[in-house]
Amino acid sequence: MASDTVVIGLNWVGDNVLALPTYRALHHRFRSEGGISVAAPEHIATLLNSMGLFRKVLPWNGTTRNRIRVLKAGRFRRAIILPNSFRAAMIAYAAGIDERWGYSSDARGLLLTHGIRRDHERGHQLDDYAPLLAAMNAPRVVDEIPSLRLPVNIREKARKRLRSLGVRLDRPVFGLHAGGLYGRAKHWGDDRYGQLAERLRECGYSVVLLTSPGERQQAEAISEECGGLPIAGDNGDVLQLAAAISHCSVIVTNDSGPLHLAAALAVPSVSIFGPTDPARTVIPGATRVVRKPVSCGPCYERECPLRDHRCMTEVSVDEVWSAAVGLLQEVGNRISPARSEQERRRAAALHPTRSGRHPSHQTAPLFGRIHDRRSEEKARRRDVAAGVARPYHKGPYPGAVECAQGAAGDSSDAGRVIVILNRKDGEGSRAGDPLLRSG
């Protein structure tokens, strides 16, 4: 049966990761009607194709006319438009798709057959499409966290690539992403990332720079300044970038796509926030947020309008170093993306699931499945016994995501870990709490 439904996907890597629960909800809603297809930018298409949610992935770039041609060729009966832009709705309208669902924002209500009013109060981005899904009778799993399961051959290819670049996987690997295509306002600073990389290497850690084609010159400049650092992700394939991240022990990044990829892969992360609000986008999990509260933020500007950029420049290398190494020390013994295949097989043999495979975060993420609390608790206990850590979420997102900075000017809590557990009281763990609990 051909797919009658096409989802107009999002343009940014991080937005697509945050939309994974939405994609899954739509997949379950329309799987008896031929499933769903998705149209998305070419560099994201391979990642979406690996999820097994879509009957067909339509990679597109270029002009509006080309995108209309792609949709016309698919002969779809229904379009679900996730971007809020006027252009996205106009493309579906011009392609002659009879049924068009989306938010009636940006004066595009006339282009939609089913325009949905969105809530004015915006909470966590994970909940952005809840009203749209409810209108389509496609509710997603409550409190579902985005998760990715990478094909084994893709991870193996990334492992060989990292080793060919000189990355030693027998020691903790720090992935550093200094870029962010949104704008320079999100950047912490190339010189600071260089200093951080040098300190990490001096302590015997492996370091790899994560980048994209649009940020390649930036990564090469940092690499040259540090006497040569390996660079991954410069081929533009987001799936390969995700595979490289999956081999990292911790990543350090600005508010950008790699941060959300790491969260979906259950790789611990340290993120530096300035002009944006972490309570809006940070996915609950093993993560630390480092930021400095300023009176002008969050401004969401691409360039600092005041030109001092103090929300980022006031974050010191020492603070980020402490957050990164502290997070590694806290969770490194339990979350080990670079564990050997022999260790993973030993854990699977000791604690098999009904399918005979252990649910490590690399091969079988829990979230994204339809499950009840009892099965989740059983899986959590198996993970504790096997030494595998993964975020288990219960409770509202805003309450779970806390910024690292306390009161203005007080850095005593800077970089504290935010770990969401499936605890009986429904609260997230606080600084100093154990990462995992067996009871």
Protein backbone atom coordinates (compact mmCIF):
# COMPACT_ATOMS: atom_id res chain seq x y z
CA MET A 1 0.00 0.00 0.00
CA ALA A 2 1.40 3.39 -1.00
CA SER A 3 1.63 6.14 1.57
CA ASP A 4 -1.08 8.80 1.26
CA THR A 5 0.39 11.02 3.96
CA VAL A 6 3.49 13.17 3.74
CA VAL A 7 5.01 15.04 6.67
CA ILE A 8 6.76 18.29 5.78
CA GLY A 9 9.82 17.98 8.00
CA LEU A 10 11.88 20.63 9.74
CA ASN A 11 15.04 22.28 8.48
CA TRP A 12 17.35 22.16 11.50
CA VAL A 13 18.99 19.02 12.87
CA GLY A 14 18.07 19.77 16.48
CA ASP A 15 14.45 20.53 15.59
CA ASN A 16 14.12 17.17 13.84
CA VAL A 17 15.53 15.36 16.87
CA LEU A 18 13.09 17.17 19.15
CA ALA A 19 10.29 16.21 16.73
CA LEU A 20 11.07 12.47 16.94
CA PRO A 21 8.17 11.79 19.36
CA THR A 22 5.89 13.63 16.92
CA TYR A 23 7.13 11.54 13.99
CA ARG A 24 6.55 8.36 15.99
CA ALA A 25 3.03 9.40 16.98
CA LEU A 26 2.16 10.07 13.34
CA HIS A 27 3.71 6.75 12.33
CA HIS A 28 1.45 4.87 14.75
CA ARG A 29 -1.60 6.93 13.76
CA PHE A 30 -1.31 6.24 10.02
CA ARG A 31 0.41 2.86 9.86
CA SER A 32 -2.91 1.18 8.99
CA GLU A 33 -3.38 3.68 6.14
CA GLY A 34 -0.11 3.06 4.33
CA GLY A 35 2.18 4.78 6.84
CA ILE A 36 3.80 8.17 6.36
CA SER A 37 6.45 9.68 4.14
CA VAL A 38 8.59 12.68 5.03
CA ALA A 39 10.11 15.50 3.00
CA ALA A 40 13.24 16.99 4.57
CA PRO A 41 16.57 18.62 3.64
CA GLU A 42 19.09 16.29 1.99
CA HIS A 43 21.64 16.38 4.82
CA ILE A 44 18.98 15.18 7.31
CA ALA A 45 17.37 12.60 5.02
CA THR A 46 19.81 9.78 5.83
CA LEU A 47 19.19 10.18 9.56
CA LEU A 48 15.41 10.12 9.12
CA ASN A 49 15.67 7.14 6.78
CA SER A 50 17.53 5.12 9.43
CA MET A 51 14.66 5.37 11.93
CA GLY A 52 12.34 2.91 10.23
CA LEU A 53 9.34 5.22 10.68
CA PHE A 54 8.79 6.36 7.12
CA ARG A 55 7.63 4.51 4.03
CA LYS A 56 9.64 6.95 1.96
CA VAL A 57 12.05 9.80 2.66
CA LEU A 58 11.99 12.62 0.09
CA PRO A 59 15.25 14.57 0.25
CA TRP A 60 14.91 18.08 -1.03
CA ASN A 61 16.85 21.31 -1.23
CA GLY A 62 16.80 24.26 -3.56
CA THR A 63 13.96 26.37 -4.84
CA THR A 64 10.31 26.40 -3.95
CA ARG A 65 9.47 25.17 -7.45
CA ASN A 66 11.64 22.09 -7.01
CA ARG A 67 9.97 21.26 -3.70
CA ILE A 68 6.52 21.58 -5.24
CA ARG A 69 7.64 19.18 -7.99
CA VAL A 70 8.81 16.62 -5.39
CA LEU A 71 5.45 16.66 -3.60
CA LYS A 72 3.48 16.48 -6.84
CA ALA A 73 5.41 13.40 -7.90
CA GLY A 74 4.42 11.65 -4.67
CA ARG A 75 0.68 12.07 -5.35
CA PHE A 76 -0.10 12.47 -1.68
CA ARG A 77 -3.63 12.95 -0.38
CA ARG A 78 -2.67 14.43 2.99
CA ALA A 79 0.12 16.77 4.14
CA ILE A 80 1.09 17.43 7.76
CA ILE A 81 3.10 20.63 7.85
CA LEU A 82 5.41 20.93 10.85
CA PRO A 83 7.28 24.15 9.93
CA ASN A 84 5.35 27.28 10.82
CA SER A 85 6.50 29.24 7.79
CA PHE A 86 4.17 30.58 5.10
CA ARG A 87 6.39 28.98 2.47
CA ALA A 88 5.89 25.45 3.83
CA ALA A 89 2.11 25.76 3.64
CA MET A 90 2.25 27.36 0.20
CA ILE A 91 4.34 24.46 -1.16
CA ALA A 92 1.77 21.89 -0.01
CA TYR A 93 -1.05 24.02 -1.44
CA ALA A 94 0.68 24.49 -4.80
CA ALA A 95 1.40 20.74 -5.00
CA GLY A 96 -2.35 20.12 -5.11
CA ILE A 97 -2.54 18.07 -1.90
CA ASP A 98 -6.21 17.91 -0.91
CA GLU A 99 -5.87 17.67 2.88
CA ARG A 100 -3.42 20.05 4.56
CA TRP A 101 -2.87 20.09 8.34
CA GLY A 102 -0.79 22.62 10.25
CA TYR A 103 -0.80 25.56 12.61
CA SER A 104 -2.68 28.58 11.27
CA SER A 105 0.13 31.02 12.03
CA ASP A 106 1.90 33.60 9.86
CA ALA A 107 -1.31 34.41 7.94
CA ARG A 108 -1.34 31.02 6.24
CA GLY A 109 -4.77 29.86 7.43
CA LEU A 110 -6.24 30.17 3.91
CA LEU A 111 -3.67 27.69 2.60
CA LEU A 112 -4.70 24.99 5.10
CA THR A 113 -7.80 22.83 5.03
CA HIS A 114 -7.31 21.99 8.70
CA GLY A 115 -5.73 24.96 10.44
CA ILE A 116 -5.04 24.39 14.12
CA ARG A 117 -4.59 27.19 16.64
CA ARG A 118 -1.48 26.74 18.73
CA ASP A 119 -1.10 27.60 22.38
CA HIS A 120 0.24 31.07 23.05
CA GLU A 121 2.19 29.87 26.08
CA ARG A 122 5.06 27.79 24.79
CA GLY A 123 6.68 25.31 27.14
CA HIS A 124 9.27 22.73 26.19
CA GLN A 125 9.78 22.26 22.47
CA LEU A 126 8.98 18.56 22.83
CA ASP A 127 5.37 19.58 23.38
CA ASP A 128 5.12 22.03 20.47
CA TYR A 129 3.02 19.73 18.30
CA ALA A 130 0.74 18.35 21.02
CA PRO A 131 -2.32 20.40 19.86
CA LEU A 132 -1.77 19.34 16.24
CA LEU A 133 -1.43 15.67 17.20
CA ALA A 134 -4.52 15.85 19.39
CA ALA A 135 -6.55 17.31 16.52
CA MET A 136 -5.46 14.39 14.33
CA ASN A 137 -6.18 11.81 17.04
CA ALA A 138 -2.49 10.93 17.14
CA PRO A 139 -1.42 11.46 20.76
CA ARG A 140 2.18 10.65 21.51
CA VAL A 141 3.49 8.67 24.46
CA VAL A 142 3.36 10.79 27.61
CA ASP A 143 6.78 12.11 28.64
CA GLU A 144 8.46 10.35 25.70
CA ILE A 145 12.11 11.30 25.24
CA PRO A 146 13.65 11.40 21.74
CA SER A 147 15.84 8.39 21.10
CA LEU A 148 17.88 7.14 18.16
CA ARG A 149 18.97 3.64 17.28
CA LEU A 150 21.84 3.68 14.81
CA PRO A 151 22.46 0.75 12.45
CA VAL A 152 25.38 -1.40 13.58
CA ASN A 153 27.21 -1.00 10.27
CA ILE A 154 26.97 2.79 10.51
CA ARG A 155 28.49 2.81 14.00
CA GLU A 156 31.23 0.44 12.90
CA LYS A 157 32.02 2.66 9.93
CA ALA A 158 32.25 5.66 12.26
CA ARG A 159 34.52 3.73 14.64
CA LYS A 160 36.93 2.87 11.82
CA ARG A 161 36.81 6.46 10.60
CA LEU A 162 37.67 7.84 14.05
CA ARG A 163 40.54 5.39 14.44
CA SER A 164 41.87 6.37 11.01
CA LEU A 165 41.85 9.99 12.18
CA GLY A 166 44.00 9.04 15.16
CA VAL A 167 41.28 9.04 17.83
CA ARG A 168 42.08 6.54 20.56
CA LEU A 169 38.89 4.80 21.62
CA ASP A 170 40.53 2.94 24.50
CA ARG A 171 40.30 6.10 26.60
CA PRO A 172 37.50 8.65 27.23
CA VAL A 173 36.66 10.61 24.09
CA PHE A 174 35.47 14.21 24.28
CA GLY A 175 33.63 15.55 21.24
CA LEU A 176 33.74 19.34 20.92
CA HIS A 177 31.36 21.28 18.69
CA ALA A 178 32.28 24.95 18.49
CA GLY A 179 29.86 25.93 15.74
CA GLY A 180 26.17 26.46 15.23
CA LEU A 181 24.70 27.64 11.94
CA TYR A 182 21.96 29.66 13.65
CA GLY A 183 24.31 32.57 14.27
CA ARG A 184 27.45 33.74 16.06
CA ALA A 185 25.47 34.73 19.13
CA LYS A 186 25.30 31.05 20.14
CA HIS A 187 29.07 30.54 19.83
CA TRP A 188 31.14 30.32 22.98
CA GLY A 189 34.34 31.17 21.12
CA ASP A 190 36.90 29.30 19.02
CA ASP A 191 39.80 30.28 21.27
CA ARG A 192 38.00 28.92 24.33
CA TYR A 193 37.26 25.61 22.63
CA GLY A 194 40.92 25.45 21.66
CA GLN A 195 42.02 25.99 25.25
CA LEU A 196 39.56 23.37 26.45
CA ALA A 197 40.83 20.86 23.89
CA GLU A 198 44.45 21.40 24.94
CA ARG A 199 43.63 20.90 28.61
CA LEU A 200 41.73 17.71 27.87
CA ARG A 201 44.58 16.31 25.80
CA GLU A 202 47.11 17.22 28.47
CA CYS A 203 45.12 15.04 30.88
CA GLY A 204 45.28 12.09 28.51
CA TYR A 205 41.78 12.29 27.03
CA SER A 206 41.02 11.85 23.34
CA VAL A 207 39.49 14.89 21.63
CA VAL A 208 37.63 15.11 18.32
CA LEU A 209 36.11 18.22 16.75
CA LEU A 210 32.50 17.80 15.54
CA THR A 211 31.48 19.96 12.61
CA SER A 212 29.50 20.31 9.38
CA PRO A 213 30.46 21.52 5.88
CA GLY A 214 29.33 25.05 6.72
CA GLU A 215 31.58 25.07 9.81
CA ARG A 216 34.58 23.26 8.38
CA GLN A 217 36.83 26.32 8.17
CA GLN A 218 36.06 27.11 11.80
CA ALA A 219 36.97 23.57 12.88
CA GLU A 220 40.15 23.59 10.78
CA ALA A 221 41.24 26.86 12.39
CA ILE A 222 40.78 25.41 15.88
CA SER A 223 42.58 22.22 14.86
CA GLU A 224 45.54 24.13 13.46
CA GLU A 225 45.76 26.32 16.54
CA CYS A 226 45.94 23.19 18.71
CA GLY A 227 48.60 21.51 16.63
CA GLY A 228 46.20 19.20 14.82
CA LEU A 229 42.92 17.79 16.08
CA PRO A 230 40.81 15.16 14.30
CA ILE A 231 37.65 16.49 12.67
CA ALA A 232 34.44 14.47 12.17
CA GLY A 233 31.19 15.36 10.45
CA ASP A 234 32.60 17.59 7.73
CA ASN A 235 31.09 15.45 4.95
CA GLY A 236 27.64 16.85 5.70
CA ASP A 237 25.94 13.54 6.50
CA VAL A 238 24.06 13.96 9.78
CA LEU A 239 23.81 10.19 10.20
CA GLN A 240 27.61 9.89 10.12
CA LEU A 241 27.90 12.79 12.57
CA ALA A 242 25.48 11.01 14.92
CA ALA A 243 27.53 7.83 14.62
CA ALA A 244 30.69 9.73 15.57
CA ILE A 245 28.90 11.24 18.58
CA SER A 246 27.79 7.77 19.67
CA HIS A 247 31.46 6.85 20.23
CA CYS A 248 32.09 9.88 22.46
CA SER A 249 32.12 9.65 26.25
CA VAL A 250 31.03 13.30 26.65
CA ILE A 251 30.38 16.06 24.15
CA VAL A 252 30.78 19.78 24.80
CA THR A 253 28.74 22.03 22.55
CA ASN A 254 26.81 25.22 22.14
CA ASP A 255 23.03 25.14 21.78
CA SER A 256 23.08 23.28 18.46
CA GLY A 257 22.15 20.08 16.65
CA PRO A 258 24.91 17.86 18.14
CA LEU A 259 23.55 18.59 21.63
CA HIS A 260 20.19 17.06 20.74
CA LEU A 261 21.77 14.19 18.81
CA ALA A 262 23.81 13.34 21.89
CA ALA A 263 20.72 13.38 24.10
CA ALA A 264 18.84 11.09 21.73
CA LEU A 265 21.83 8.73 21.70
CA ALA A 266 22.11 8.87 25.52
CA VAL A 267 25.60 10.35 25.29
CA PRO A 268 26.36 12.70 28.23
CA SER A 269 26.70 16.35 27.24
CA VAL A 270 27.80 19.73 28.50
CA SER A 271 26.13 22.65 26.75
CA ILE A 272 26.94 26.36 26.90
CA PHE A 273 23.85 28.55 26.64
CA GLY A 274 23.69 32.31 26.11
CA PRO A 275 21.00 33.91 23.93
CA THR A 276 18.60 30.96 24.17
CA ASP A 277 16.68 29.34 27.00
CA PRO A 278 17.75 25.80 28.02
CA ALA A 279 14.36 25.16 29.64
CA ARG A 280 12.90 25.38 26.16
CA THR A 281 15.12 22.88 24.31
CA VAL A 282 17.36 20.79 26.59
CA ILE A 283 16.25 17.16 26.51
CA PRO A 284 16.15 15.59 29.99
CA GLY A 285 19.03 13.20 30.52
CA ALA A 286 22.66 13.08 31.65
CA THR A 287 23.52 16.66 30.84
CA ARG A 288 25.02 19.77 32.36
CA VAL A 289 24.10 23.27 31.28
CA VAL A 290 26.57 26.09 31.86
CA ARG A 291 25.30 29.64 31.52
CA LYS A 292 25.49 33.14 32.96
CA PRO A 293 22.21 34.96 33.66
CA VAL A 294 22.19 38.41 32.08
CA SER A 295 19.52 41.08 32.12
CA CYS A 296 19.20 41.12 28.33
CA GLY A 297 18.67 37.40 27.84
CA PRO A 298 17.40 35.23 26.47
CA CYS A 299 17.20 37.41 23.36
CA TYR A 300 17.23 34.72 20.61
CA GLU A 301 19.20 37.06 18.35
CA ARG A 302 21.61 35.66 15.75
CA GLU A 303 24.15 38.39 16.53
CA CYS A 304 24.55 40.13 19.87
CA PRO A 305 22.73 43.48 19.51
CA LEU A 306 24.83 44.96 22.35
CA ARG A 307 28.07 43.66 20.77
CA ASP A 308 29.57 42.64 24.11
CA HIS A 309 28.22 39.07 23.99
CA ARG A 310 28.66 38.83 27.73
CA CYS A 311 26.18 35.97 28.12
CA MET A 312 28.83 33.76 26.47
CA THR A 313 32.14 35.53 27.10
CA GLU A 314 31.60 35.47 30.87
CA VAL A 315 31.54 31.65 30.83
CA SER A 316 35.11 30.66 31.61
CA VAL A 317 37.14 27.72 30.34
CA ASP A 318 37.55 26.57 33.95
CA GLU A 319 33.78 26.32 34.40
CA VAL A 320 33.28 24.27 31.25
CA TRP A 321 36.29 22.09 32.06
CA SER A 322 34.93 21.37 35.53
CA ALA A 323 31.49 20.57 34.15
CA ALA A 324 32.84 18.24 31.42
CA VAL A 325 35.35 16.32 33.52
CA GLY A 326 32.96 16.24 36.48
CA LEU A 327 30.23 14.75 34.31
CA LEU A 328 32.65 12.14 32.97
CA GLN A 329 33.68 11.19 36.49
CA GLU A 330 30.07 10.98 37.65
CA VAL A 331 28.66 8.87 34.84
CA GLY A 332 31.72 7.55 33.02
CA ASN A 333 31.75 4.23 34.81
CA ARG A 334 28.12 3.58 33.88
CA ILE A 335 27.75 5.25 30.49
CA SER A 336 30.52 4.05 28.19
CA PRO A 337 29.70 4.49 24.49
CA ALA A 338 33.20 3.33 23.57
CA ARG A 339 33.00 0.02 25.44
CA SER A 340 34.44 -2.90 23.58
CA GLU A 341 32.18 -5.31 21.74
CA GLN A 342 33.32 -8.06 24.11
CA GLU A 343 32.10 -6.06 27.13
CA ARG A 344 28.73 -5.41 25.52
CA ARG A 345 28.29 -9.09 24.70
CA ARG A 346 29.24 -10.04 28.25
CA ALA A 347 26.60 -7.65 29.63
CA ALA A 348 24.01 -9.03 27.21
CA ALA A 349 24.82 -12.60 28.24
CA LEU A 350 24.48 -11.79 31.94
CA HIS A 351 21.26 -9.81 31.61
CA PRO A 352 19.40 -10.74 28.44
CA THR A 353 15.98 -9.43 27.51
CA ARG A 354 13.20 -11.61 26.12
CA SER A 355 14.63 -11.01 22.65
CA GLY A 356 18.06 -12.15 23.83
CA ARG A 357 19.69 -8.74 23.44
CA HIS A 358 20.56 -6.37 26.21
CA PRO A 359 18.91 -2.94 25.92
CA SER A 360 22.08 -0.83 25.93
CA HIS A 361 21.58 2.73 24.82
CA GLN A 362 23.58 2.01 21.67
CA THR A 363 21.45 -0.78 20.25
CA ALA A 364 17.98 -0.60 21.73
CA PRO A 365 16.88 2.70 23.29
CA LEU A 366 13.85 2.29 25.51
CA PHE A 367 12.15 5.54 24.67
CA GLY A 368 10.27 5.68 21.41
CA ARG A 369 8.47 2.43 22.13
CA ILE A 370 4.96 2.07 23.45
CA HIS A 371 5.53 0.75 26.94
CA ASP A 372 4.01 0.80 30.39
CA ARG A 373 5.64 1.86 33.64
CA ARG A 374 6.11 -1.70 34.84
CA SER A 375 8.17 -2.76 31.82
CA GLU A 376 10.15 0.48 32.08
CA GLU A 377 11.00 -0.28 35.71
CA LYS A 378 12.12 -3.81 34.83
CA ALA A 379 14.34 -2.46 32.07
CA ARG A 380 15.80 0.10 34.46
CA ARG A 381 16.73 -2.59 36.98
CA ARG A 382 18.39 -4.65 34.26
CA ASP A 383 20.39 -1.63 33.18
CA VAL A 384 21.50 -0.93 36.74
CA ALA A 385 22.73 -4.51 37.15
CA ALA A 386 24.58 -4.40 33.83
CA GLY A 387 26.16 -0.99 34.43
CA VAL A 388 24.28 0.72 31.59
CA ALA A 389 22.83 4.16 32.18
CA ARG A 390 20.05 5.86 30.31
CA PRO A 391 17.71 8.73 31.24
CA TYR A 392 14.36 7.56 32.59
CA HIS A 393 11.92 10.42 32.65
CA LYS A 394 8.90 11.04 34.76
CA GLY A 395 7.40 14.44 35.40
CA PRO A 396 6.86 17.68 33.48
CA TYR A 397 9.67 18.90 31.27
CA PRO A 398 9.99 22.45 32.67
CA GLY A 399 10.37 21.03 36.19
CA ALA A 400 13.01 18.59 35.04
CA VAL A 401 15.21 21.01 33.15
CA GLU A 402 17.07 23.39 35.42
CA CYS A 403 19.71 25.87 34.41
CA ALA A 404 23.18 25.40 35.81
CA GLN A 405 23.47 28.91 37.20
CA GLY A 406 21.82 29.76 40.49
CA ALA A 407 21.21 33.32 41.60
CA ALA A 408 22.76 36.07 39.53
CA GLY A 409 26.46 36.20 40.17
CA ASP A 410 26.46 32.93 42.11
CA SER A 411 28.42 30.26 40.27
CA SER A 412 28.44 27.73 43.11
CA ASP A 413 25.90 25.58 41.25
CA ALA A 414 27.34 26.20 37.80
CA GLY A 415 27.44 23.09 35.69
CA ARG A 416 25.44 20.88 38.01
CA VAL A 417 24.22 17.69 36.44
CA ILE A 418 20.63 17.31 35.33
CA VAL A 419 19.65 13.63 35.40
CA ILE A 420 16.08 12.49 35.03
CA LEU A 421 15.19 9.21 36.70
CA ASN A 422 12.04 7.13 37.00
CA ARG A 423 11.76 7.67 40.73
CA LYS A 424 8.73 6.96 42.88
CA ASP A 425 8.31 10.59 43.86
CA GLY A 426 8.41 11.72 40.22
CA GLU A 427 11.17 14.24 40.87
CA GLY A 428 14.35 14.69 38.89
CA SER A 429 17.61 14.05 40.67
CA ARG A 430 19.45 16.96 42.20
CA ALA A 431 23.10 17.78 42.37
CA GLY A 432 24.92 15.12 44.35
CA ASP A 433 22.27 12.42 43.91
CA PRO A 434 23.47 9.09 42.55
CA LEU A 435 22.95 8.70 38.82
CA LEU A 436 21.19 5.40 39.17
CA ARG A 437 19.21 3.78 41.93
CA SER A 438 18.50 0.12 42.18
CA GLY A 439 15.51 0.45 44.46
